[in-house]
Amino acid sequence: MKLEEVTLDDLDETSFLKIVKRKPINEKIIGFLKEVKNFYIFKVNGKLVRIRFSNTDKTAEDCLTRVLENLYR
């Protein structure tokens, strides 16, 4: 699905997800991935979030960890 084809109404709102803060980050990531239909494009507090990959040394886990840490502090 192209970003231009996505409307906010089509996306999962992740601000309501119940993720336990004291769980290890890998369990948080798995919980997030299980709850969200499309984990590349979703919304947080009504704002569009899109995850893309680029040619860097960062892993997908590094990037998703950063996103989750910022969302669930």
Protein backbone atom coordinates (compact mmCIF):
# COMPACT_ATOMS: atom_id res chain seq x y z
CA MET A 1 0.00 0.00 0.00
CA LYS A 2 1.39 3.38 -0.98
CA LEU A 3 1.42 6.18 1.55
CA GLU A 4 -0.68 8.31 -0.79
CA GLU A 5 -3.42 5.64 -0.69
CA VAL A 6 -3.64 5.56 3.12
CA THR A 7 -6.14 7.57 5.15
CA LEU A 8 -5.94 7.97 8.91
CA ASP A 9 -9.27 6.13 9.23
CA ASP A 10 -7.65 3.02 7.67
CA LEU A 11 -4.90 2.81 10.30
CA ASP A 12 -4.65 1.26 13.76
CA GLU A 13 -4.48 3.76 16.62
CA THR A 14 -1.62 2.53 18.80
CA SER A 15 -1.96 4.96 21.71
CA PHE A 16 -4.57 2.61 23.24
CA LEU A 17 -2.33 -0.48 23.22
CA LYS A 18 -1.59 -2.03 26.58
CA ILE A 19 2.15 -2.67 26.71
CA VAL A 20 3.67 -3.45 30.11
CA LYS A 21 6.64 -1.15 30.66
CA ARG A 22 8.65 -3.55 32.81
CA LYS A 23 8.68 -6.33 30.19
CA PRO A 24 11.87 -6.84 28.17
CA ILE A 25 11.95 -4.87 24.92
CA ASN A 26 11.70 -8.00 22.75
CA GLU A 27 8.41 -8.89 24.47
CA LYS A 28 7.18 -5.32 23.92
CA ILE A 29 8.03 -5.56 20.22
CA ILE A 30 6.26 -8.91 19.86
CA GLY A 31 3.18 -7.55 21.65
CA PHE A 32 3.13 -4.50 19.40
CA LEU A 33 3.48 -6.61 16.25
CA LYS A 34 0.64 -8.89 17.36
CA GLU A 35 -1.73 -5.98 18.02
CA VAL A 36 -1.14 -3.81 14.95
CA LYS A 37 -2.46 -4.96 11.57
CA ASN A 38 0.10 -3.00 9.57
CA PHE A 39 3.24 -2.29 11.56
CA TYR A 40 4.79 -0.26 8.74
CA ILE A 41 2.04 2.39 8.78
CA PHE A 42 -0.02 3.19 11.89
CA LYS A 43 -1.07 6.21 13.90
CA VAL A 44 -0.19 7.48 17.36
CA ASN A 45 -2.53 10.03 18.91
CA GLY A 46 -4.03 10.61 15.47
CA LYS A 47 -0.68 11.21 13.75
CA LEU A 48 0.62 9.08 10.90
CA VAL A 49 3.74 7.02 11.61
CA ARG A 50 5.48 5.20 8.78
CA ILE A 51 8.41 2.84 9.26
CA ARG A 52 10.81 2.55 6.35
CA PHE A 53 14.19 0.94 5.97
CA SER A 54 17.30 2.58 4.62
CA ASN A 55 20.83 1.49 3.92
CA THR A 56 22.32 2.00 7.39
CA ASP A 57 23.86 -0.12 10.12
CA LYS A 58 20.68 0.15 12.24
CA THR A 59 18.62 -3.00 12.49
CA ALA A 60 14.83 -3.19 12.32
CA GLU A 61 14.89 -4.08 16.02
CA ASP A 62 16.92 -0.93 16.80
CA CYS A 63 14.42 1.27 14.97
CA LEU A 64 11.32 -0.35 16.40
CA THR A 65 12.84 -0.28 19.89
CA ARG A 66 13.38 3.46 19.54
CA VAL A 67 9.80 4.00 18.37
CA LEU A 68 8.34 1.94 21.24
CA GLU A 69 10.56 3.57 23.84
CA ASN A 70 9.36 6.99 22.71
CA LEU A 71 5.71 5.88 22.68
CA TYR A 72 5.64 4.02 26.00
CA ARG A 73 7.94 5.88 28.39
